[in-house]
C-alpha atoms as a PDB file:
ATOM      1  CA  MET A   1     -62.186  -2.135 -17.576  1.00  0.00           C
ATOM      2  CA  ARG A   2     -62.571   0.229 -20.917  1.00  0.00           C
ATOM      3  CA  LEU A   3     -60.744   3.522 -21.154  1.00  0.00           C
ATOM      4  CA  LEU A   4     -61.594   6.430 -22.901  1.00  0.00           C
ATOM      5  CA  PRO A   5     -59.376   6.934 -26.149  1.00  0.00           C
ATOM      6  CA  GLY A   6     -58.464  10.347 -24.057  1.00  0.00           C
ATOM      7  CA  ARG A   7     -57.631   8.620 -20.990  1.00  0.00           C
ATOM      8  CA  VAL A   8     -55.626   6.067 -23.059  1.00  0.00           C
ATOM      9  CA  ALA A   9     -53.195   9.050 -24.437  1.00  0.00           C
ATOM     10  CA  ALA A  10     -53.066  10.321 -20.924  1.00  0.00           C
ATOM     11  CA  PHE A  11     -51.624   6.900 -19.383  1.00  0.00           C
ATOM     12  CA  ALA A  12     -49.482   6.247 -22.006  1.00  0.00           C
ATOM     13  CA  LEU A  13     -47.809   9.821 -21.865  1.00  0.00           C
ATOM     14  CA  ALA A  14     -47.772   9.031 -17.884  1.00  0.00           C
ATOM     15  CA  LEU A  15     -46.009   5.774 -18.565  1.00  0.00           C
ATOM     16  CA  ALA A  16     -43.635   7.609 -21.103  1.00  0.00           C
ATOM     17  CA  SER A  17     -42.875  10.151 -19.075  1.00  0.00           C
ATOM     18  CA  ALA A  18     -42.163   8.188 -15.460  1.00  0.00           C
ATOM     19  CA  PRO A  19     -38.420   7.134 -14.922  1.00  0.00           C
ATOM     20  CA  ALA A  20     -37.340   4.180 -16.926  1.00  0.00           C
ATOM     21  CA  TRP A  21     -34.970   2.863 -13.781  1.00  0.00           C
ATOM     22  CA  GLY A  22     -37.353   0.576 -12.445  1.00  0.00           C
ATOM     23  CA  ALA A  23     -36.905   0.160  -8.944  1.00  0.00           C
ATOM     24  CA  ALA A  24     -39.271   1.999  -6.433  1.00  0.00           C
ATOM     25  CA  THR A  25     -39.264   5.681  -6.416  1.00  0.00           C
ATOM     26  CA  TRP A  26     -38.936   7.858  -2.987  1.00  0.00           C
ATOM     27  CA  THR A  27     -39.559  11.615  -2.116  1.00  0.00           C
ATOM     28  CA  ASN A  28     -37.423  13.030   0.410  1.00  0.00           C
ATOM     29  CA  ASP A  29     -39.062  15.117   3.575  1.00  0.00           C
ATOM     30  CA  PRO A  30     -36.019  17.935   3.292  1.00  0.00           C
ATOM     31  CA  ALA A  31     -37.274  19.319   6.799  1.00  0.00           C
ATOM     32  CA  ALA A  32     -36.129  15.614   8.521  1.00  0.00           C
ATOM     33  CA  SER A  33     -33.018  15.283   6.586  1.00  0.00           C
ATOM     34  CA  GLN A  34     -29.647  16.244   6.835  1.00  0.00           C
ATOM     35  CA  LEU A  35     -26.676  16.802   4.528  1.00  0.00           C
ATOM     36  CA  THR A  36     -23.417  17.373   6.678  1.00  0.00           C
ATOM     37  CA  PHE A  37     -19.211  17.370   6.406  1.00  0.00           C
ATOM     38  CA  VAL A  38     -16.795  17.439   8.698  1.00  0.00           C
ATOM     39  CA  ALA A  39     -13.364  18.873   8.152  1.00  0.00           C
ATOM     40  CA  THR A  40     -10.632  20.052   9.989  1.00  0.00           C
ATOM     41  CA  GLN A  41      -8.910  23.329  10.415  1.00  0.00           C
ATOM     42  CA  ALA A  42      -5.867  24.423  12.189  1.00  0.00           C
ATOM     43  CA  GLY A  43      -5.758  21.059  13.771  1.00  0.00           C
ATOM     44  CA  GLY A  44      -9.592  21.059  14.875  1.00  0.00           C
ATOM     45  CA  GLU A  45     -12.940  19.579  13.630  1.00  0.00           C
ATOM     46  CA  PHE A  46     -15.490  21.464  12.324  1.00  0.00           C
ATOM     47  CA  GLU A  47     -18.978  20.192  11.407  1.00  0.00           C
ATOM     48  CA  GLY A  48     -20.987  22.211   8.520  1.00  0.00           C
ATOM     49  CA  ARG A  49     -24.139  21.380   6.442  1.00  0.00           C
ATOM     50  CA  PHE A  50     -26.196  22.213   2.969  1.00  0.00           C
ATOM     51  CA  THR A  51     -29.309  23.406   3.560  1.00  0.00           C
ATOM     52  CA  ARG A  52     -30.448  23.153   0.425  1.00  0.00           C
ATOM     53  CA  PHE A  53     -29.788  19.714  -1.408  1.00  0.00           C
ATOM     54  CA  THR A  54     -32.383  17.861  -4.190  1.00  0.00           C
ATOM     55  CA  PRO A  55     -32.071  13.742  -3.666  1.00  0.00           C
ATOM     56  CA  VAL A  56     -33.580  11.649  -6.220  1.00  0.00           C
ATOM     57  CA  ILE A  57     -33.989   8.198  -5.158  1.00  0.00           C
ATOM     58  CA  ALA A  58     -34.734   5.207  -6.787  1.00  0.00           C
ATOM     59  CA  PHE A  59     -33.984   1.788  -4.899  1.00  0.00           C
ATOM     60  CA  ASP A  60     -35.289  -1.258  -4.181  1.00  0.00           C
ATOM     61  CA  PRO A  61     -32.821  -3.938  -2.275  1.00  0.00           C
ATOM     62  CA  ASP A  62     -34.143  -6.673  -4.408  1.00  0.00           C
ATOM     63  CA  ASP A  63     -33.459  -4.671  -7.645  1.00  0.00           C
ATOM     64  CA  LEU A  64     -30.005  -3.296  -7.183  1.00  0.00           C
ATOM     65  CA  ALA A  65     -29.809  -3.346 -11.236  1.00  0.00           C
ATOM     66  CA  HIS A  66     -32.419  -0.796 -11.398  1.00  0.00           C
ATOM     67  CA  SER A  67     -31.416   1.416  -8.334  1.00  0.00           C
ATOM     68  CA  ARG A  68     -30.248   5.273  -8.591  1.00  0.00           C
ATOM     69  CA  PHE A  69     -29.779   7.886  -6.564  1.00  0.00           C
ATOM     70  CA  VAL A  70     -28.866  11.683  -7.990  1.00  0.00           C
ATOM     71  CA  VAL A  71     -27.969  14.538  -5.715  1.00  0.00           C
ATOM     72  CA  ASP A  72     -27.906  17.837  -6.629  1.00  0.00           C
ATOM     73  CA  THR A  73     -26.331  20.354  -4.104  1.00  0.00           C
ATOM     74  CA  ASP A  74     -26.680  23.812  -3.793  1.00  0.00           C
ATOM     75  CA  LEU A  75     -23.254  25.329  -2.339  1.00  0.00           C
ATOM     76  CA  GLY A  76     -24.218  28.754  -1.749  1.00  0.00           C
ATOM     77  CA  SER A  77     -26.237  26.886   0.961  1.00  0.00           C
ATOM     78  CA  ALA A  78     -23.246  25.392   3.000  1.00  0.00           C
ATOM     79  CA  GLN A  79     -22.991  26.513   6.591  1.00  0.00           C
ATOM     80  CA  THR A  80     -20.635  26.051   9.043  1.00  0.00           C
ATOM     81  CA  GLY A  81     -21.692  28.250  11.748  1.00  0.00           C
ATOM     82  CA  GLU A  82     -18.853  30.729  11.167  1.00  0.00           C
ATOM     83  CA  ALA A  83     -19.585  33.798   9.093  1.00  0.00           C
ATOM     84  CA  GLU A  84     -15.997  34.409   8.078  1.00  0.00           C
ATOM     85  CA  ARG A  85     -15.433  30.527   7.133  1.00  0.00           C
ATOM     86  CA  ASP A  86     -18.444  30.518   5.401  1.00  0.00           C
ATOM     87  CA  ARG A  87     -17.904  33.220   2.823  1.00  0.00           C
ATOM     88  CA  VAL A  88     -14.354  32.311   2.248  1.00  0.00           C
ATOM     89  CA  LEU A  89     -15.708  28.417   1.656  1.00  0.00           C
ATOM     90  CA  LYS A  90     -17.864  29.878  -0.674  1.00  0.00           C
ATOM     91  CA  GLY A  91     -15.671  32.145  -2.682  1.00  0.00           C
ATOM     92  CA  GLU A  92     -13.483  31.585  -5.632  1.00  0.00           C
ATOM     93  CA  ASP A  93     -10.621  29.492  -3.824  1.00  0.00           C
ATOM     94  CA  PHE A  94     -12.797  26.924  -2.714  1.00  0.00           C
ATOM     95  CA  PHE A  95     -16.528  26.104  -4.036  1.00  0.00           C
ATOM     96  CA  SER A  96     -16.567  28.969  -6.551  1.00  0.00           C
ATOM     97  CA  THR A  97     -20.574  29.590  -6.130  1.00  0.00           C
ATOM     98  CA  GLY A  98     -20.755  32.102  -8.814  1.00  0.00           C
ATOM     99  CA  GLN A  99     -19.054  29.964 -11.234  1.00  0.00           C
ATOM    100  CA  TRP A 100     -19.759  26.406 -10.143  1.00  0.00           C
ATOM    101  CA  PRO A 101     -23.203  26.871  -7.687  1.00  0.00           C
ATOM    102  CA  ARG A 102     -24.146  23.078  -7.665  1.00  0.00           C
ATOM    103  CA  ALA A 103     -22.369  19.684  -6.814  1.00  0.00           C
ATOM    104  CA  HIS A 104     -23.824  16.650  -8.593  1.00  0.00           C
ATOM    105  CA  PHE A 105     -23.717  12.872  -7.635  1.00  0.00           C
ATOM    106  CA  GLU A 106     -24.966  10.131  -9.612  1.00  0.00           C
ATOM    107  CA  THR A 107     -24.790   6.404  -8.406  1.00  0.00           C
ATOM    108  CA  THR A 108     -23.370   3.263 -11.140  1.00  0.00           C
ATOM    109  CA  THR A 109     -23.665   0.291  -9.172  1.00  0.00           C
ATOM    110  CA  PHE A 110     -24.662  -0.668  -5.465  1.00  0.00           C
ATOM    111  CA  LYS A 111     -23.402  -3.748  -3.842  1.00  0.00           C
ATOM    112  CA  ALA A 112     -25.462  -5.544  -0.779  1.00  0.00           C
ATOM    113  CA  THR A 113     -23.069  -5.503   2.329  1.00  0.00           C
ATOM    114  CA  GLY A 114     -25.342  -7.118   4.875  1.00  0.00           C
ATOM    115  CA  PRO A 115     -29.027  -6.748   5.928  1.00  0.00           C
ATOM    116  CA  GLY A 116     -30.088  -3.808   5.391  1.00  0.00           C
ATOM    117  CA  ARG A 117     -26.174  -2.910   4.418  1.00  0.00           C
ATOM    118  CA  PHE A 118     -25.039  -1.190   0.944  1.00  0.00           C
ATOM    119  CA  ASP A 119     -22.049  -0.083  -0.707  1.00  0.00           C
ATOM    120  CA  ALA A 120     -22.643   2.157  -3.841  1.00  0.00           C
ATOM    121  CA  SER A 121     -20.122   4.037  -5.922  1.00  0.00           C
ATOM    122  CA  GLY A 122     -21.120   6.925  -8.145  1.00  0.00           C
ATOM    123  CA  ARG A 123     -19.587   9.946  -9.768  1.00  0.00           C
ATOM    124  CA  LEU A 124     -19.279  13.573  -8.360  1.00  0.00           C
ATOM    125  CA  THR A 125     -19.035  16.325 -10.089  1.00  0.00           C
ATOM    126  CA  LEU A 126     -17.504  20.045  -7.883  1.00  0.00           C
ATOM    127  CA  ARG A 127     -16.018  22.981  -9.670  1.00  0.00           C
ATOM    128  CA  ASN A 128     -16.682  20.885 -12.786  1.00  0.00           C
ATOM    129  CA  VAL A 129     -14.171  18.035 -11.491  1.00  0.00           C
ATOM    130  CA  THR A 130     -15.547  14.760 -11.651  1.00  0.00           C
ATOM    131  CA  ARG A 131     -14.517  12.028  -9.605  1.00  0.00           C
ATOM    132  CA  GLU A 132     -15.337   8.308  -8.512  1.00  0.00           C
ATOM    133  CA  VAL A 133     -16.571   8.139  -5.238  1.00  0.00           C
ATOM    134  CA  ARG A 134     -17.930   5.397  -2.819  1.00  0.00           C
ATOM    135  CA  LEU A 135     -19.753   5.219  -0.038  1.00  0.00           C
ATOM    136  CA  SER A 136     -21.928   3.083   2.244  1.00  0.00           C
ATOM    137  CA  PHE A 137     -25.247   3.366   3.838  1.00  0.00           C
ATOM    138  CA  THR A 138     -28.737   1.604   5.069  1.00  0.00           C
ATOM    139  CA  PHE A 139     -31.529   1.408   3.755  1.00  0.00           C
ATOM    140  CA  LYS A 140     -34.497   1.071   6.656  1.00  0.00           C
ATOM    141  CA  PRO A 141     -38.024   0.569   5.426  1.00  0.00           C
ATOM    142  CA  ALA A 142     -40.907   1.147   7.750  1.00  0.00           C
ATOM    143  CA  ALA A 143     -42.803  -2.234   8.398  1.00  0.00           C
ATOM    144  CA  ASP A 144     -45.611  -0.972   5.851  1.00  0.00           C
ATOM    145  CA  GLY A 145     -43.156  -0.303   3.193  1.00  0.00           C
ATOM    146  CA  ARG A 146     -44.387   3.572   2.558  1.00  0.00           C
ATOM    147  CA  THR A 147     -41.333   5.348   4.544  1.00  0.00           C
ATOM    148  CA  ALA A 148     -37.683   4.690   5.087  1.00  0.00           C
ATOM    149  CA  SER A 149     -34.704   6.253   6.176  1.00  0.00           C
ATOM    150  CA  LEU A 150     -31.418   6.167   4.032  1.00  0.00           C
ATOM    151  CA  ALA A 151     -28.445   7.084   6.035  1.00  0.00           C
ATOM    152  CA  GLY A 152     -24.572   7.008   4.855  1.00  0.00           C
ATOM    153  CA  THR A 153     -20.955   8.306   5.047  1.00  0.00           C
ATOM    154  CA  THR A 154     -18.037   8.781   2.117  1.00  0.00           C
ATOM    155  CA  THR A 155     -15.134  10.690   2.627  1.00  0.00           C
ATOM    156  CA  VAL A 156     -13.340  12.584  -0.734  1.00  0.00           C
ATOM    157  CA  GLN A 157     -10.024  14.753  -1.023  1.00  0.00           C
ATOM    158  CA  ARG A 158     -11.111  17.858  -0.987  1.00  0.00           C
ATOM    159  CA  LEU A 159      -7.914  18.693  -3.307  1.00  0.00           C
ATOM    160  CA  ASP A 160      -9.085  16.044  -6.380  1.00  0.00           C
ATOM    161  CA  PHE A 161     -11.570  18.423  -6.650  1.00  0.00           C
ATOM    162  CA  GLY A 162      -9.436  21.741  -6.688  1.00  0.00           C
ATOM    163  CA  VAL A 163     -11.559  22.876  -3.532  1.00  0.00           C
ATOM    164  CA  GLY A 164      -8.698  25.093  -1.679  1.00  0.00           C
ATOM    165  CA  ARG A 165      -6.747  27.236  -4.215  1.00  0.00           C
ATOM    166  CA  GLY A 166      -3.431  28.841  -3.467  1.00  0.00           C
ATOM    167  CA  GLN A 167      -2.585  29.729   0.299  1.00  0.00           C
ATOM    168  CA  TRP A 168      -5.321  26.688   0.798  1.00  0.00           C
ATOM    169  CA  THR A 169      -3.848  24.104  -0.943  1.00  0.00           C
ATOM    170  CA  ASP A 170      -1.154  23.676   2.660  1.00  0.00           C
ATOM    171  CA  THR A 171      -3.312  20.267   4.455  1.00  0.00           C
ATOM    172  CA  GLN A 172      -1.203  21.449   7.480  1.00  0.00           C
ATOM    173  CA  TRP A 173      -4.174  24.120   7.924  1.00  0.00           C
ATOM    174  CA  VAL A 174      -7.233  22.955   6.462  1.00  0.00           C
ATOM    175  CA  GLY A 175      -7.286  19.243   5.736  1.00  0.00           C
ATOM    176  CA  ASN A 176      -7.647  17.643   2.902  1.00  0.00           C
ATOM    177  CA  GLU A 177     -10.077  14.690   3.932  1.00  0.00           C
ATOM    178  CA  VAL A 178     -13.477  15.489   4.056  1.00  0.00           C
ATOM    179  CA  ARG A 179     -16.473  13.514   4.984  1.00  0.00           C
ATOM    180  CA  ILE A 180     -19.753  13.745   4.085  1.00  0.00           C
ATOM    181  CA  ARG A 181     -22.664  12.255   6.084  1.00  0.00           C
ATOM    182  CA  PHE A 182     -26.299  11.844   4.674  1.00  0.00           C
ATOM    183  CA  ASP A 183     -29.514  10.964   6.809  1.00  0.00           C
ATOM    184  CA  LEU A 184     -32.495  11.239   4.167  1.00  0.00           C
ATOM    185  CA  ARG A 185     -36.247  10.588   5.467  1.00  0.00           C
ATOM    186  CA  LEU A 186     -37.823   9.026   2.518  1.00  0.00           C
ATOM    187  CA  ALA A 187     -41.644   8.338   1.340  1.00  0.00           C
ATOM    188  CA  ARG A 188     -42.851   6.231  -1.079  1.00  0.00           C
ATOM    189  CA  ALA A 189     -43.938   8.311  -3.952  1.00  0.00           C
ATOM    190  CA  ALA A 190     -47.166   7.002  -5.445  1.00  0.00           C
ATOM    191  CA  PRO A 191     -46.987   4.406  -8.479  1.00  0.00           C
END
């Protein structure tokens, strides 16, 4: 099929602006997806969630070398179900959302660990501190290949990122370990 000169230019521009990751790209359904965390306070667990986060997913189980996750999280969207705790969490001693409103995660490598199961390494930046993070996840595409679920977990040490200053460095009151869980509902992006 012949392309008109204007369409050739538009086609070349589309190719140049597309992600160079190579793997299939997926869009997230925010209404059906969750990013949650579990921490401890005074010896008891509590769960929170981020209501605003933006994942950019390029993933193909058969092309891990060209797969990539990039996730930006609005830390001001953290909710734990307790207003005072939410206020402290967003304040200067913890997330300090006025100075560092976002967390950023980007994968560096993937490894298959079983059918539909994978590990990934990446870099998490929080409060302007970047640390290596490893996560385990499952990827389950639908039979038609048009939708998929992506779910997994990781654990971070909050003090490694400077989350919890002053009195909050005492891990007897607020635990150091924070478990992060994600459950995404994805749709394959049009090529």
